[in-house]
């Protein structure tokens, strides 16, 4: 896995690895993210890093969108509640600062991720991430190894068949030679 590893964070999941700052004198929501376009391979993990600034306690909601589907991943308020949908419950790790970790990526995870930060006053702000999930070539390697094994077995079978045919050919040739030889049962000996 490349990039930030949430497990190496000092505070761990739902800890304050990056602080959520919500000063009371500020009325604006700010979402900062160092990287908005991510590329990972199947079965890797990805960390959507954000740093949220708002007034009050933010409500953080993550959604997934692709050409075929749009669905909610989860909603949480830091220190209050966490609600992750059943589809993602075993793979999503929410963080207090609004960041989200998604583990064991699948090809279907390829798409657009939107984090929406809302505050109690009613204002909200969105930020989007593009995730490209590459297919690992294990399937191709597996196909290649199975094909090579099948070809090796076929070659061994052909070699065995050629050896058996050669044995049969030699026996037939020897049998024909014996058949063509004249039989002399009586041998005459001449005195010297």
N, C-alpha and C. Protein backbone atom coordinates (compact mmCIF):
# COMPACT_ATOMS: atom_id res chain seq x y z
N UNK A 1 0.84 -1.18 0.00
CA UNK A 1 0.00 0.00 0.00
C UNK A 1 0.88 1.23 0.00
N UNK A 2 0.54 2.20 -0.80
CA UNK A 2 1.31 3.42 -0.83
C UNK A 2 0.50 4.53 -0.19
N UNK A 3 1.20 5.59 0.21
CA UNK A 3 0.49 6.71 0.81
C UNK A 3 0.44 6.60 2.31
N UNK A 4 -0.46 7.33 2.93
CA UNK A 4 -0.60 7.38 4.37
C UNK A 4 -1.22 6.11 4.91
N UNK A 5 -0.64 5.55 5.93
CA UNK A 5 -1.18 4.35 6.57
C UNK A 5 -1.85 4.77 7.87
N UNK A 6 -3.19 4.66 7.96
CA UNK A 6 -3.88 5.12 9.16
C UNK A 6 -3.50 4.32 10.38
N UNK A 7 -3.00 3.10 10.22
CA UNK A 7 -2.64 2.29 11.38
C UNK A 7 -1.38 2.81 12.05
N UNK A 8 -0.59 3.61 11.32
CA UNK A 8 0.63 4.14 11.91
C UNK A 8 0.36 5.46 12.65
N UNK A 9 -0.87 5.90 12.66
CA UNK A 9 -1.24 7.14 13.33
C UNK A 9 -1.01 7.02 14.83
N UNK A 10 -0.61 8.13 15.45
CA UNK A 10 -0.36 8.10 16.89
C UNK A 10 -1.62 7.77 17.67
N UNK A 11 -2.74 8.27 17.21
CA UNK A 11 -3.96 8.12 18.00
C UNK A 11 -4.84 6.99 17.53
N UNK A 12 -4.61 6.44 16.37
CA UNK A 12 -5.39 5.30 15.89
C UNK A 12 -6.74 5.73 15.35
N UNK A 13 -7.58 4.74 15.01
CA UNK A 13 -8.90 5.01 14.46
C UNK A 13 -9.74 5.85 15.42
N UNK A 14 -10.47 6.76 14.86
CA UNK A 14 -11.33 7.68 15.61
C UNK A 14 -10.56 8.48 16.65
N UNK A 15 -9.23 8.46 16.55
CA UNK A 15 -8.42 9.31 17.40
C UNK A 15 -8.18 10.60 16.66
N UNK A 16 -7.50 11.51 17.28
CA UNK A 16 -7.29 12.80 16.61
C UNK A 16 -5.92 12.83 15.97
N UNK A 17 -5.74 11.99 14.94
CA UNK A 17 -4.48 11.99 14.19
C UNK A 17 -4.29 13.36 13.55
N UNK A 18 -5.34 13.88 12.93
CA UNK A 18 -5.38 15.25 12.44
C UNK A 18 -6.57 15.89 13.13
N UNK A 19 -6.39 17.04 13.71
CA UNK A 19 -7.44 17.62 14.53
C UNK A 19 -8.58 18.18 13.70
N UNK A 20 -9.81 18.01 14.21
CA UNK A 20 -10.98 18.69 13.68
C UNK A 20 -11.08 19.97 14.47
N UNK A 21 -10.90 21.08 13.80
CA UNK A 21 -10.94 22.36 14.48
C UNK A 21 -12.28 23.02 14.19
N UNK A 22 -13.04 23.31 15.21
CA UNK A 22 -14.34 23.94 15.04
C UNK A 22 -14.45 25.14 15.96
N UNK A 23 -13.75 26.21 15.64
CA UNK A 23 -13.83 27.40 16.50
C UNK A 23 -15.22 28.02 16.43
N UNK A 24 -15.68 28.53 17.55
CA UNK A 24 -17.02 29.11 17.63
C UNK A 24 -17.13 30.45 16.90
N UNK A 25 -16.02 31.16 16.74
CA UNK A 25 -16.11 32.47 16.10
C UNK A 25 -16.11 32.38 14.57
N UNK A 26 -15.81 31.22 14.01
CA UNK A 26 -15.81 31.06 12.56
C UNK A 26 -17.12 30.44 12.11
N UNK A 27 -17.73 30.95 11.06
CA UNK A 27 -19.00 30.43 10.56
C UNK A 27 -18.81 29.62 9.28
N UNK A 28 -17.60 29.51 8.80
CA UNK A 28 -17.36 28.82 7.54
C UNK A 28 -16.85 27.41 7.78
N UNK A 29 -17.23 26.53 6.87
CA UNK A 29 -16.71 25.16 6.89
C UNK A 29 -15.55 25.10 5.91
N UNK A 30 -14.47 24.49 6.34
CA UNK A 30 -13.31 24.33 5.48
C UNK A 30 -12.92 22.86 5.44
N UNK A 31 -12.71 22.35 4.23
CA UNK A 31 -12.26 20.97 4.06
C UNK A 31 -10.95 21.03 3.29
N UNK A 32 -9.88 20.59 3.91
CA UNK A 32 -8.57 20.57 3.26
C UNK A 32 -8.15 19.13 3.02
N UNK A 33 -7.69 18.86 1.81
CA UNK A 33 -7.19 17.53 1.48
C UNK A 33 -5.96 17.66 0.60
N UNK A 34 -4.87 17.00 0.97
CA UNK A 34 -3.65 17.12 0.18
C UNK A 34 -3.70 16.40 -1.16
N UNK A 35 -4.53 15.38 -1.27
CA UNK A 35 -4.55 14.56 -2.48
C UNK A 35 -5.98 14.18 -2.82
N UNK A 36 -6.45 14.53 -4.01
CA UNK A 36 -7.84 14.28 -4.40
C UNK A 36 -7.99 13.16 -5.42
N UNK A 37 -6.90 12.76 -6.05
CA UNK A 37 -6.95 11.68 -7.04
C UNK A 37 -6.03 10.56 -6.57
N UNK A 38 -6.60 9.39 -6.36
CA UNK A 38 -5.85 8.26 -5.80
C UNK A 38 -5.93 7.07 -6.74
N UNK A 39 -4.86 6.31 -6.79
CA UNK A 39 -4.82 5.08 -7.59
C UNK A 39 -4.29 3.96 -6.71
N UNK A 40 -5.03 2.89 -6.64
CA UNK A 40 -4.63 1.71 -5.86
C UNK A 40 -4.96 0.47 -6.67
N UNK A 41 -4.46 -0.67 -6.20
CA UNK A 41 -4.75 -1.96 -6.83
C UNK A 41 -5.76 -2.72 -6.00
N UNK A 42 -6.37 -3.71 -6.62
CA UNK A 42 -7.34 -4.57 -5.94
C UNK A 42 -6.67 -5.18 -4.71
N UNK A 43 -7.39 -5.29 -3.62
CA UNK A 43 -7.00 -5.86 -2.33
C UNK A 43 -6.07 -4.95 -1.53
N UNK A 44 -5.74 -3.77 -2.02
CA UNK A 44 -4.97 -2.82 -1.23
C UNK A 44 -5.93 -1.99 -0.39
N UNK A 45 -5.37 -1.13 0.46
CA UNK A 45 -6.15 -0.21 1.28
C UNK A 45 -5.94 1.21 0.76
N UNK A 46 -6.92 2.08 1.02
CA UNK A 46 -6.78 3.48 0.63
C UNK A 46 -7.20 4.34 1.82
N UNK A 47 -6.56 5.49 1.96
CA UNK A 47 -6.88 6.43 3.03
C UNK A 47 -7.24 7.77 2.39
N UNK A 48 -8.51 8.18 2.56
CA UNK A 48 -8.98 9.47 2.08
C UNK A 48 -8.71 10.48 3.19
N UNK A 49 -7.67 11.27 3.02
CA UNK A 49 -7.22 12.18 4.07
C UNK A 49 -7.88 13.55 3.91
N UNK A 50 -8.58 13.99 4.95
CA UNK A 50 -9.16 15.33 4.97
C UNK A 50 -8.90 15.97 6.32
N UNK A 51 -8.95 17.28 6.35
CA UNK A 51 -8.85 18.04 7.59
C UNK A 51 -9.99 19.04 7.57
N UNK A 52 -10.94 18.87 8.48
CA UNK A 52 -12.18 19.65 8.50
C UNK A 52 -12.07 20.77 9.53
N UNK A 53 -12.50 21.97 9.14
CA UNK A 53 -12.60 23.10 10.06
C UNK A 53 -14.03 23.64 9.96
N UNK A 54 -14.70 23.81 11.10
CA UNK A 54 -16.08 24.32 11.09
C UNK A 54 -16.44 24.88 12.45
N UNK A 55 -17.64 25.44 12.56
CA UNK A 55 -18.11 25.90 13.86
C UNK A 55 -19.03 24.83 14.43
N UNK A 56 -18.84 24.46 15.66
CA UNK A 56 -19.65 23.41 16.28
C UNK A 56 -19.12 22.03 15.95
N UNK A 57 -19.94 21.02 16.24
CA UNK A 57 -19.57 19.64 15.97
C UNK A 57 -20.02 19.28 14.56
N UNK A 58 -19.12 18.87 13.70
CA UNK A 58 -19.50 18.56 12.32
C UNK A 58 -20.17 17.20 12.21
N UNK A 59 -21.05 17.07 11.24
CA UNK A 59 -21.58 15.77 10.84
C UNK A 59 -20.90 15.44 9.52
N UNK A 60 -20.24 14.31 9.49
CA UNK A 60 -19.45 13.92 8.32
C UNK A 60 -20.15 12.76 7.63
N UNK A 61 -20.40 12.93 6.34
CA UNK A 61 -21.04 11.87 5.55
C UNK A 61 -20.21 11.61 4.31
N UNK A 62 -19.94 10.31 4.07
CA UNK A 62 -19.22 9.89 2.88
C UNK A 62 -20.18 9.16 1.95
N UNK A 63 -20.11 9.49 0.66
CA UNK A 63 -20.93 8.84 -0.37
C UNK A 63 -20.02 8.34 -1.49
N UNK A 64 -20.49 7.30 -2.16
CA UNK A 64 -19.77 6.73 -3.30
C UNK A 64 -20.64 6.89 -4.54
N UNK A 65 -20.03 7.30 -5.65
CA UNK A 65 -20.75 7.43 -6.91
C UNK A 65 -19.91 6.84 -8.03
N UNK A 66 -20.59 6.12 -8.91
CA UNK A 66 -19.94 5.63 -10.13
C UNK A 66 -20.97 5.75 -11.24
N UNK A 67 -20.63 5.32 -12.43
CA UNK A 67 -21.57 5.39 -13.54
C UNK A 67 -22.79 4.52 -13.33
N UNK A 68 -22.66 3.48 -12.51
CA UNK A 68 -23.75 2.53 -12.33
C UNK A 68 -24.51 2.68 -11.02
N UNK A 69 -23.88 3.25 -9.99
CA UNK A 69 -24.50 3.23 -8.66
C UNK A 69 -24.09 4.47 -7.85
N UNK A 70 -24.95 4.83 -6.93
CA UNK A 70 -24.66 5.89 -5.97
C UNK A 70 -25.18 5.42 -4.62
N UNK A 71 -24.30 5.45 -3.60
CA UNK A 71 -24.74 4.97 -2.29
C UNK A 71 -23.98 5.67 -1.16
N UNK A 72 -24.61 5.67 0.00
CA UNK A 72 -24.00 6.25 1.19
C UNK A 72 -23.09 5.21 1.83
N UNK A 73 -21.90 5.65 2.22
CA UNK A 73 -20.95 4.77 2.90
C UNK A 73 -21.18 4.83 4.40
N UNK A 74 -21.26 6.04 4.93
CA UNK A 74 -21.46 6.18 6.36
C UNK A 74 -21.56 7.63 6.78
N UNK A 75 -22.07 7.82 8.00
CA UNK A 75 -22.22 9.15 8.59
C UNK A 75 -21.74 9.07 10.03
N UNK A 76 -21.02 10.11 10.48
CA UNK A 76 -20.62 10.13 11.88
C UNK A 76 -20.40 11.55 12.36
N UNK A 77 -20.54 11.70 13.67
CA UNK A 77 -20.19 12.93 14.37
C UNK A 77 -19.07 12.56 15.32
N UNK A 78 -17.93 13.21 15.23
CA UNK A 78 -16.80 12.85 16.09
C UNK A 78 -17.17 12.88 17.56
N UNK A 79 -16.94 11.77 18.23
CA UNK A 79 -17.22 11.66 19.65
C UNK A 79 -18.67 11.46 20.00
N UNK A 80 -19.59 11.48 19.02
CA UNK A 80 -21.02 11.34 19.30
C UNK A 80 -21.54 10.00 18.79
N UNK A 81 -21.49 9.77 17.49
CA UNK A 81 -21.98 8.50 16.93
C UNK A 81 -21.27 8.18 15.63
N UNK A 82 -21.34 6.92 15.26
CA UNK A 82 -20.80 6.44 13.98
C UNK A 82 -21.81 5.49 13.38
N UNK A 83 -22.18 5.72 12.13
CA UNK A 83 -23.15 4.87 11.44
C UNK A 83 -22.60 4.53 10.05
N UNK A 84 -22.04 3.33 9.94
CA UNK A 84 -21.49 2.86 8.67
C UNK A 84 -22.48 1.86 8.08
N UNK A 85 -22.78 1.96 6.78
CA UNK A 85 -23.74 1.05 6.15
C UNK A 85 -23.20 -0.38 6.16
N UNK A 86 -24.12 -1.32 6.05
CA UNK A 86 -23.79 -2.74 6.13
C UNK A 86 -22.82 -3.15 5.03
N UNK A 87 -22.97 -2.58 3.83
CA UNK A 87 -22.08 -2.93 2.71
C UNK A 87 -20.61 -2.61 3.02
N UNK A 88 -20.38 -1.59 3.83
CA UNK A 88 -19.02 -1.13 4.09
C UNK A 88 -18.56 -1.38 5.53
N UNK A 89 -19.40 -1.92 6.37
CA UNK A 89 -19.08 -2.00 7.81
C UNK A 89 -17.78 -2.72 8.12
N UNK A 90 -17.43 -3.73 7.35
CA UNK A 90 -16.20 -4.47 7.64
C UNK A 90 -14.96 -3.86 6.96
N UNK A 91 -15.16 -2.87 6.09
CA UNK A 91 -14.03 -2.34 5.32
C UNK A 91 -13.73 -0.87 5.56
N UNK A 92 -14.63 -0.15 6.23
CA UNK A 92 -14.44 1.29 6.41
C UNK A 92 -13.98 1.60 7.83
N UNK A 93 -13.01 2.50 7.93
CA UNK A 93 -12.52 2.98 9.22
C UNK A 93 -12.71 4.50 9.26
N UNK A 94 -13.67 5.00 10.06
CA UNK A 94 -13.88 6.45 10.15
C UNK A 94 -12.90 7.10 11.13
N UNK A 95 -12.58 8.37 10.89
CA UNK A 95 -11.69 9.12 11.76
C UNK A 95 -12.37 10.42 12.19
N UNK A 96 -12.00 10.92 13.36
CA UNK A 96 -12.60 12.14 13.92
C UNK A 96 -12.44 13.35 13.01
N UNK A 97 -11.35 13.41 12.28
CA UNK A 97 -11.08 14.59 11.45
C UNK A 97 -11.81 14.56 10.12
N UNK A 98 -12.64 13.53 9.90
CA UNK A 98 -13.38 13.41 8.65
C UNK A 98 -12.75 12.46 7.66
N UNK A 99 -11.53 12.06 7.91
CA UNK A 99 -10.85 11.12 7.02
C UNK A 99 -11.52 9.76 7.08
N UNK A 100 -11.26 8.96 6.07
CA UNK A 100 -11.85 7.62 6.01
C UNK A 100 -10.84 6.66 5.40
N UNK A 101 -10.73 5.49 6.00
CA UNK A 101 -9.91 4.42 5.45
C UNK A 101 -10.82 3.36 4.85
N UNK A 102 -10.47 2.87 3.68
CA UNK A 102 -11.24 1.81 3.02
C UNK A 102 -10.27 0.69 2.70
N UNK A 103 -10.54 -0.50 3.24
CA UNK A 103 -9.61 -1.62 3.07
C UNK A 103 -10.14 -2.63 2.08
N UNK A 104 -9.26 -3.51 1.65
CA UNK A 104 -9.58 -4.62 0.76
C UNK A 104 -10.35 -4.14 -0.47
N UNK A 105 -9.72 -3.27 -1.25
CA UNK A 105 -10.38 -2.68 -2.41
C UNK A 105 -10.80 -3.72 -3.43
N UNK A 106 -11.91 -3.42 -4.10
CA UNK A 106 -12.46 -4.25 -5.17
C UNK A 106 -12.55 -3.39 -6.43
N UNK A 107 -12.71 -4.03 -7.57
CA UNK A 107 -12.86 -3.27 -8.81
C UNK A 107 -14.09 -2.37 -8.75
N UNK A 108 -15.13 -2.81 -8.03
CA UNK A 108 -16.37 -2.04 -7.93
C UNK A 108 -16.18 -0.76 -7.12
N UNK A 109 -15.06 -0.63 -6.38
CA UNK A 109 -14.80 0.57 -5.59
C UNK A 109 -14.26 1.71 -6.44
N UNK A 110 -14.00 1.47 -7.70
CA UNK A 110 -13.51 2.48 -8.63
C UNK A 110 -14.61 3.52 -8.84
N UNK A 111 -14.32 4.79 -8.55
CA UNK A 111 -15.34 5.81 -8.75
C UNK A 111 -15.02 7.10 -8.02
N UNK A 112 -16.08 7.83 -7.69
CA UNK A 112 -16.00 9.16 -7.11
C UNK A 112 -16.52 9.11 -5.68
N UNK A 113 -15.73 9.61 -4.73
CA UNK A 113 -16.11 9.63 -3.32
C UNK A 113 -16.30 11.07 -2.88
N UNK A 114 -17.43 11.33 -2.23
CA UNK A 114 -17.76 12.69 -1.80
C UNK A 114 -17.92 12.70 -0.29
N UNK A 115 -17.20 13.62 0.36
CA UNK A 115 -17.38 13.84 1.79
C UNK A 115 -18.18 15.13 1.94
N UNK A 116 -19.26 15.04 2.72
CA UNK A 116 -20.10 16.21 3.00
C UNK A 116 -19.99 16.51 4.48
N UNK A 117 -19.59 17.73 4.80
CA UNK A 117 -19.47 18.16 6.19
C UNK A 117 -20.59 19.16 6.45
N UNK A 118 -21.42 18.85 7.45
CA UNK A 118 -22.54 19.73 7.83
C UNK A 118 -22.34 20.15 9.28
N UNK A 119 -22.84 21.34 9.59
CA UNK A 119 -22.80 21.78 10.99
C UNK A 119 -24.22 22.03 11.48
N UNK A 120 -24.37 22.18 12.77
CA UNK A 120 -25.70 22.32 13.36
C UNK A 120 -26.43 23.56 12.87
N UNK A 121 -25.70 24.59 12.43
CA UNK A 121 -26.33 25.81 11.93
C UNK A 121 -26.99 25.59 10.57
N UNK A 122 -26.69 24.47 9.92
CA UNK A 122 -27.34 24.14 8.66
C UNK A 122 -26.47 24.25 7.43
N UNK A 123 -25.32 24.88 7.54
CA UNK A 123 -24.47 24.99 6.36
C UNK A 123 -23.70 23.69 6.14
N UNK A 124 -23.31 23.47 4.89
CA UNK A 124 -22.56 22.26 4.57
C UNK A 124 -21.60 22.54 3.42
N UNK A 125 -20.63 21.66 3.28
CA UNK A 125 -19.65 21.79 2.20
C UNK A 125 -19.23 20.39 1.78
N UNK A 126 -18.95 20.25 0.48
CA UNK A 126 -18.56 18.95 -0.08
C UNK A 126 -17.13 19.01 -0.60
N UNK A 127 -16.50 17.86 -0.62
CA UNK A 127 -15.20 17.69 -1.28
C UNK A 127 -15.21 16.31 -1.94
N UNK A 128 -14.62 16.23 -3.11
CA UNK A 128 -14.65 14.97 -3.85
C UNK A 128 -13.28 14.37 -4.06
N UNK A 129 -13.27 13.06 -4.18
CA UNK A 129 -12.06 12.29 -4.45
C UNK A 129 -12.34 11.34 -5.61
N UNK A 130 -11.35 11.15 -6.45
CA UNK A 130 -11.45 10.17 -7.52
C UNK A 130 -10.54 9.00 -7.16
N UNK A 131 -11.11 7.81 -7.13
CA UNK A 131 -10.33 6.61 -6.84
C UNK A 131 -10.32 5.71 -8.07
N UNK A 132 -9.13 5.40 -8.54
CA UNK A 132 -8.95 4.47 -9.65
C UNK A 132 -8.41 3.17 -9.06
N UNK A 133 -9.15 2.07 -9.27
CA UNK A 133 -8.74 0.76 -8.76
C UNK A 133 -8.25 -0.07 -9.95
N UNK A 134 -6.99 -0.44 -9.89
CA UNK A 134 -6.39 -1.26 -10.96
C UNK A 134 -6.53 -2.73 -10.63
N UNK A 135 -6.77 -3.50 -11.67
CA UNK A 135 -6.88 -4.95 -11.49
C UNK A 135 -5.49 -5.55 -11.42
N UNK A 136 -5.28 -6.38 -10.42
CA UNK A 136 -4.01 -7.08 -10.27
C UNK A 136 -3.97 -8.18 -11.32
N UNK A 137 -2.82 -8.41 -11.87
CA UNK A 137 -2.70 -9.38 -12.95
C UNK A 137 -2.55 -10.81 -12.46
N UNK A 138 -2.96 -11.10 -11.21
CA UNK A 138 -2.87 -12.46 -10.69
C UNK A 138 -3.68 -13.42 -11.56
N UNK A 139 -4.84 -12.99 -12.02
CA UNK A 139 -5.68 -13.85 -12.84
C UNK A 139 -4.96 -14.22 -14.12
N UNK A 140 -4.27 -13.25 -14.73
CA UNK A 140 -3.52 -13.52 -15.95
C UNK A 140 -2.36 -14.47 -15.67
N UNK A 141 -1.67 -14.26 -14.55
CA UNK A 141 -0.57 -15.15 -14.20
C UNK A 141 -1.07 -16.55 -13.90
N UNK A 142 -2.21 -16.64 -13.25
CA UNK A 142 -2.80 -17.94 -12.95
C UNK A 142 -3.19 -18.64 -14.25
N UNK A 143 -3.80 -17.91 -15.17
CA UNK A 143 -4.17 -18.48 -16.46
C UNK A 143 -2.93 -18.96 -17.21
N UNK A 144 -1.88 -18.15 -17.18
CA UNK A 144 -0.64 -18.51 -17.85
C UNK A 144 -0.03 -19.77 -17.24
N UNK A 145 0.00 -19.86 -15.91
CA UNK A 145 0.59 -21.04 -15.27
C UNK A 145 -0.24 -22.29 -15.53
N UNK A 146 -1.56 -22.17 -15.53
CA UNK A 146 -2.41 -23.33 -15.83
C UNK A 146 -2.22 -23.75 -17.28
N UNK A 147 -2.12 -22.79 -18.18
CA UNK A 147 -1.88 -23.11 -19.60
C UNK A 147 -0.53 -23.80 -19.78
N UNK A 148 0.50 -23.29 -19.12
CA UNK A 148 1.83 -23.90 -19.22
C UNK A 148 1.81 -25.32 -18.67
N UNK A 149 1.10 -25.53 -17.56
CA UNK A 149 1.00 -26.87 -16.98
C UNK A 149 0.26 -27.81 -17.92
N UNK A 150 -0.81 -27.34 -18.54
CA UNK A 150 -1.57 -28.17 -19.48
C UNK A 150 -0.71 -28.53 -20.69
N UNK A 151 0.05 -27.56 -21.20
CA UNK A 151 0.93 -27.83 -22.34
C UNK A 151 2.05 -28.80 -21.96
N UNK A 152 2.59 -28.68 -20.75
CA UNK A 152 3.63 -29.60 -20.29
C UNK A 152 3.08 -31.02 -20.17
N UNK A 153 1.86 -31.16 -19.66
CA UNK A 153 1.23 -32.48 -19.55
C UNK A 153 0.98 -33.06 -20.94
N UNK A 154 0.53 -32.24 -21.87
CA UNK A 154 0.30 -32.69 -23.24
C UNK A 154 1.61 -33.13 -23.89
N UNK A 155 2.69 -32.37 -23.66
CA UNK A 155 4.00 -32.73 -24.21
C UNK A 155 4.48 -34.05 -23.62
N UNK A 156 4.30 -34.25 -22.31
CA UNK A 156 4.70 -35.50 -21.67
C UNK A 156 3.90 -36.67 -22.23
N UNK A 157 2.61 -36.47 -22.44
CA UNK A 157 1.76 -37.52 -23.00
C UNK A 157 2.20 -37.86 -24.43
N UNK A 158 2.52 -36.87 -25.23
CA UNK A 158 3.00 -37.11 -26.59
C UNK A 158 4.35 -37.84 -26.59
N UNK A 159 5.23 -37.48 -25.66
CA UNK A 159 6.52 -38.17 -25.56
C UNK A 159 6.32 -39.63 -25.17
N UNK A 160 5.43 -39.91 -24.24
CA UNK A 160 5.13 -41.28 -23.85
C UNK A 160 4.55 -42.05 -25.02
N UNK A 161 3.64 -41.44 -25.75
CA UNK A 161 3.03 -42.09 -26.91
C UNK A 161 4.08 -42.39 -27.98
N UNK A 162 5.00 -41.46 -28.23
CA UNK A 162 6.06 -41.70 -29.21
C UNK A 162 6.98 -42.82 -28.76
N UNK A 163 7.30 -42.89 -27.48
CA UNK A 163 8.15 -43.96 -26.95
C UNK A 163 7.47 -45.32 -27.13
N UNK A 164 6.15 -45.38 -26.81
CA UNK A 164 5.41 -46.64 -26.98
C UNK A 164 5.34 -47.04 -28.45
N UNK A 165 5.10 -46.08 -29.34
CA UNK A 165 5.07 -46.39 -30.77
C UNK A 165 6.43 -46.86 -31.27
N UNK A 166 7.51 -46.27 -30.78
CA UNK A 166 8.85 -46.70 -31.17
C UNK A 166 9.10 -48.14 -30.71
N UNK A 167 8.69 -48.47 -29.48
CA UNK A 167 8.83 -49.84 -28.97
C UNK A 167 8.04 -50.82 -29.84
N UNK A 168 6.82 -50.44 -30.16
CA UNK A 168 5.99 -51.32 -30.99
C UNK A 168 6.60 -51.48 -32.38
N UNK A 169 7.11 -50.42 -32.96
CA UNK A 169 7.74 -50.47 -34.28
C UNK A 169 8.94 -51.41 -34.26
N UNK A 170 9.80 -51.30 -33.24
CA UNK A 170 10.98 -52.17 -33.16
C UNK A 170 10.59 -53.64 -33.02
N UNK A 171 9.54 -53.91 -32.25
CA UNK A 171 9.09 -55.30 -32.10
C UNK A 171 8.54 -55.84 -33.42
N UNK A 172 7.81 -55.02 -34.14
CA UNK A 172 7.26 -55.45 -35.43
C UNK A 172 8.39 -55.71 -36.42
N UNK A 173 9.39 -54.84 -36.46
CA UNK A 173 10.54 -55.02 -37.36
C UNK A 173 11.29 -56.30 -36.99
N UNK A 174 11.52 -56.55 -35.71
CA UNK A 174 12.22 -57.76 -35.27
C UNK A 174 11.40 -59.00 -35.62
N UNK A 175 10.10 -58.93 -35.46
CA UNK A 175 9.23 -60.07 -35.77
C UNK A 175 9.27 -60.37 -37.26
N UNK A 176 9.27 -59.34 -38.12
CA UNK A 176 9.33 -59.53 -39.57
C UNK A 176 10.68 -60.14 -39.99
N UNK A 177 11.76 -59.71 -39.36
CA UNK A 177 13.07 -60.26 -39.69
C UNK A 177 13.13 -61.75 -39.37
N UNK A 178 12.58 -62.09 -38.19
CA UNK A 178 12.57 -63.50 -37.80
C UNK A 178 11.73 -64.32 -38.77
N UNK A 179 10.68 -63.77 -39.25
CA UNK A 179 9.77 -64.46 -40.15
C UNK A 179 10.39 -64.67 -41.53
N UNK A 180 11.19 -63.73 -41.97
CA UNK A 180 11.81 -63.82 -43.29
C UNK A 180 13.04 -64.73 -43.30
N UNK A 181 13.62 -65.04 -42.19
CA UNK A 181 14.81 -65.89 -42.13
C UNK A 181 14.41 -67.33 -42.43
N UNK A 182 15.17 -68.03 -43.29
CA UNK A 182 14.85 -69.44 -43.57
C UNK A 182 15.20 -70.30 -42.37
N UNK A 183 14.37 -71.28 -42.17
CA UNK A 183 14.60 -72.18 -41.04
C UNK A 183 15.37 -73.40 -41.52
N UNK A 184 16.50 -73.65 -40.96
CA UNK A 184 17.32 -74.82 -41.27
C UNK A 184 17.38 -75.69 -40.02
N UNK A 185 16.58 -76.72 -40.04
CA UNK A 185 16.56 -77.61 -38.89
C UNK A 185 17.70 -78.64 -38.98
N UNK A 186 17.97 -79.02 -40.15
CA UNK A 186 19.00 -80.04 -40.31
C UNK A 186 20.27 -79.40 -40.82
N UNK A 187 21.28 -79.60 -40.13
CA UNK A 187 22.57 -79.06 -40.54
C UNK A 187 23.48 -80.25 -40.86
N UNK A 188 24.01 -80.23 -42.03
CA UNK A 188 24.89 -81.33 -42.43
C UNK A 188 26.33 -80.95 -42.14
N UNK A 189 27.00 -81.89 -41.53
CA UNK A 189 28.40 -81.67 -41.24
C UNK A 189 29.23 -82.53 -42.20
N UNK A 190 30.20 -81.97 -42.76
CA UNK A 190 31.07 -82.67 -43.71
C UNK A 190 32.36 -83.08 -42.98
N UNK A 191 32.80 -84.30 -43.25
CA UNK A 191 34.06 -84.68 -42.63
C UNK A 191 35.25 -83.91 -43.27
N UNK A 192 36.28 -83.77 -42.52
CA UNK A 192 37.43 -83.06 -43.01
C UNK A 192 38.46 -83.99 -43.57
